[in-house]
């Protein structure tokens, strides 16, 4: 198969990549988001709101903020860390 038809038709490298992605996603749910990292996200949200107030206000939704936090967790998991690091 060409790797697109489904799990059975996937070539070994693609299957291996998909397995790795699944593992990282599963591990990301065990990664902690320390308070200082959450506060940085909150402050970034406020800075965006304030920085674009002259342009009619730009805001970051709660959903997008949660997505950003999850992306940080995925990155930490992919790098073998148990917590988000912002250094």
C-alpha atoms as a PDB file:
ATOM      1  CA  UNK A   1       0.000   0.000   0.000  1.00  0.00           C
ATOM      2  CA  UNK A   2       0.915   3.619  -0.243  1.00  0.00           C
ATOM      3  CA  UNK A   3       0.609   4.263   3.474  1.00  0.00           C
ATOM      4  CA  UNK A   4      -2.703   6.103   3.206  1.00  0.00           C
ATOM      5  CA  UNK A   5      -5.225   3.278   2.962  1.00  0.00           C
ATOM      6  CA  UNK A   6      -5.281   2.436   6.651  1.00  0.00           C
ATOM      7  CA  UNK A   7      -3.263   0.591   9.269  1.00  0.00           C
ATOM      8  CA  UNK A   8      -3.023  -2.627   7.234  1.00  0.00           C
ATOM      9  CA  UNK A   9      -1.867  -0.822   4.106  1.00  0.00           C
ATOM     10  CA  UNK A  10       0.722   1.342   5.818  1.00  0.00           C
ATOM     11  CA  UNK A  11       4.354   0.848   5.029  1.00  0.00           C
ATOM     12  CA  UNK A  12       6.535  -0.063   8.034  1.00  0.00           C
ATOM     13  CA  UNK A  13       8.130   3.432   8.389  1.00  0.00           C
ATOM     14  CA  UNK A  14       4.721   5.133   8.315  1.00  0.00           C
ATOM     15  CA  UNK A  15       3.264   2.638  10.789  1.00  0.00           C
ATOM     16  CA  UNK A  16       6.257   3.236  13.040  1.00  0.00           C
ATOM     17  CA  UNK A  17       5.767   7.012  12.788  1.00  0.00           C
ATOM     18  CA  UNK A  18       2.055   6.703  13.572  1.00  0.00           C
ATOM     19  CA  UNK A  19       2.868   4.507  16.573  1.00  0.00           C
ATOM     20  CA  UNK A  20       5.390   7.088  17.813  1.00  0.00           C
ATOM     21  CA  UNK A  21       2.846   9.900  17.441  1.00  0.00           C
ATOM     22  CA  UNK A  22       0.253   7.863  19.344  1.00  0.00           C
ATOM     23  CA  UNK A  23       2.772   7.219  22.155  1.00  0.00           C
ATOM     24  CA  UNK A  24       3.705  10.905  22.434  1.00  0.00           C
ATOM     25  CA  UNK A  25       0.050  11.949  22.471  1.00  0.00           C
ATOM     26  CA  UNK A  26      -0.698   9.416  25.214  1.00  0.00           C
ATOM     27  CA  UNK A  27       2.334  10.521  27.233  1.00  0.00           C
ATOM     28  CA  UNK A  28       1.381  14.187  26.862  1.00  0.00           C
ATOM     29  CA  UNK A  29      -1.612  13.603  29.136  1.00  0.00           C
ATOM     30  CA  UNK A  30       0.764  12.698  31.959  1.00  0.00           C
ATOM     31  CA  UNK A  31       2.939  15.828  31.522  1.00  0.00           C
ATOM     32  CA  UNK A  32       2.351  18.521  34.110  1.00  0.00           C
ATOM     33  CA  UNK A  33       1.944  22.199  33.333  1.00  0.00           C
ATOM     34  CA  UNK A  34       3.618  24.041  36.208  1.00  0.00           C
ATOM     35  CA  UNK A  35       1.946  27.131  37.592  1.00  0.00           C
ATOM     36  CA  UNK A  36       4.635  29.455  36.216  1.00  0.00           C
ATOM     37  CA  UNK A  37       4.035  28.083  32.696  1.00  0.00           C
ATOM     38  CA  UNK A  38       0.276  28.547  33.029  1.00  0.00           C
ATOM     39  CA  UNK A  39       0.842  32.106  34.240  1.00  0.00           C
ATOM     40  CA  UNK A  40       3.050  32.814  31.220  1.00  0.00           C
ATOM     41  CA  UNK A  41       0.246  31.659  28.930  1.00  0.00           C
ATOM     42  CA  UNK A  42      -2.197  33.864  30.798  1.00  0.00           C
ATOM     43  CA  UNK A  43       0.149  36.847  30.544  1.00  0.00           C
ATOM     44  CA  UNK A  44       0.702  36.246  26.824  1.00  0.00           C
ATOM     45  CA  UNK A  45      -3.068  36.225  26.349  1.00  0.00           C
ATOM     46  CA  UNK A  46      -3.375  39.550  28.174  1.00  0.00           C
ATOM     47  CA  UNK A  47      -0.493  41.058  26.177  1.00  0.00           C
ATOM     48  CA  UNK A  48      -2.166  40.085  22.903  1.00  0.00           C
ATOM     49  CA  UNK A  49      -5.444  41.604  24.058  1.00  0.00           C
ATOM     50  CA  UNK A  50      -3.748  44.844  25.129  1.00  0.00           C
ATOM     51  CA  UNK A  51      -1.386  45.021  22.157  1.00  0.00           C
ATOM     52  CA  UNK A  52      -4.200  44.849  19.652  1.00  0.00           C
ATOM     53  CA  UNK A  53      -6.753  46.955  21.510  1.00  0.00           C
ATOM     54  CA  UNK A  54      -6.328  49.815  18.981  1.00  0.00           C
ATOM     55  CA  UNK A  55      -7.163  47.429  16.148  1.00  0.00           C
ATOM     56  CA  UNK A  56     -10.542  46.506  17.581  1.00  0.00           C
ATOM     57  CA  UNK A  57      -9.211  44.014  20.077  1.00  0.00           C
ATOM     58  CA  UNK A  58      -7.744  40.636  19.363  1.00  0.00           C
ATOM     59  CA  UNK A  59      -8.455  37.911  21.832  1.00  0.00           C
ATOM     60  CA  UNK A  60      -7.307  34.370  22.420  1.00  0.00           C
ATOM     61  CA  UNK A  61     -10.205  32.051  23.174  1.00  0.00           C
ATOM     62  CA  UNK A  62     -10.195  29.614  26.079  1.00  0.00           C
ATOM     63  CA  UNK A  63     -10.172  26.779  23.544  1.00  0.00           C
ATOM     64  CA  UNK A  64      -7.099  28.156  21.802  1.00  0.00           C
ATOM     65  CA  UNK A  65      -5.361  28.724  25.141  1.00  0.00           C
ATOM     66  CA  UNK A  66      -6.021  25.091  26.113  1.00  0.00           C
ATOM     67  CA  UNK A  67      -4.667  24.018  22.724  1.00  0.00           C
ATOM     68  CA  UNK A  68      -1.480  25.992  23.359  1.00  0.00           C
ATOM     69  CA  UNK A  69      -1.081  24.354  26.760  1.00  0.00           C
ATOM     70  CA  UNK A  70      -1.587  20.915  25.191  1.00  0.00           C
ATOM     71  CA  UNK A  71       0.979  21.705  22.502  1.00  0.00           C
ATOM     72  CA  UNK A  72       3.494  22.542  25.229  1.00  0.00           C
ATOM     73  CA  UNK A  73       2.691  19.220  26.915  1.00  0.00           C
ATOM     74  CA  UNK A  74       3.174  17.321  23.641  1.00  0.00           C
ATOM     75  CA  UNK A  75       6.529  19.028  23.117  1.00  0.00           C
ATOM     76  CA  UNK A  76       7.628  18.107  26.627  1.00  0.00           C
ATOM     77  CA  UNK A  77       6.506  14.494  26.129  1.00  0.00           C
ATOM     78  CA  UNK A  78       8.328  14.285  22.787  1.00  0.00           C
ATOM     79  CA  UNK A  79      11.493  15.422  24.535  1.00  0.00           C
ATOM     80  CA  UNK A  80      11.101  12.935  27.380  1.00  0.00           C
ATOM     81  CA  UNK A  81      10.164  15.459  30.054  1.00  0.00           C
ATOM     82  CA  UNK A  82       7.474  14.986  32.682  1.00  0.00           C
ATOM     83  CA  UNK A  83       6.710  18.696  32.942  1.00  0.00           C
ATOM     84  CA  UNK A  84       6.511  21.680  30.629  1.00  0.00           C
ATOM     85  CA  UNK A  85       9.672  23.781  30.760  1.00  0.00           C
ATOM     86  CA  UNK A  86       9.737  27.423  29.703  1.00  0.00           C
ATOM     87  CA  UNK A  87      13.450  28.114  30.060  1.00  0.00           C
END
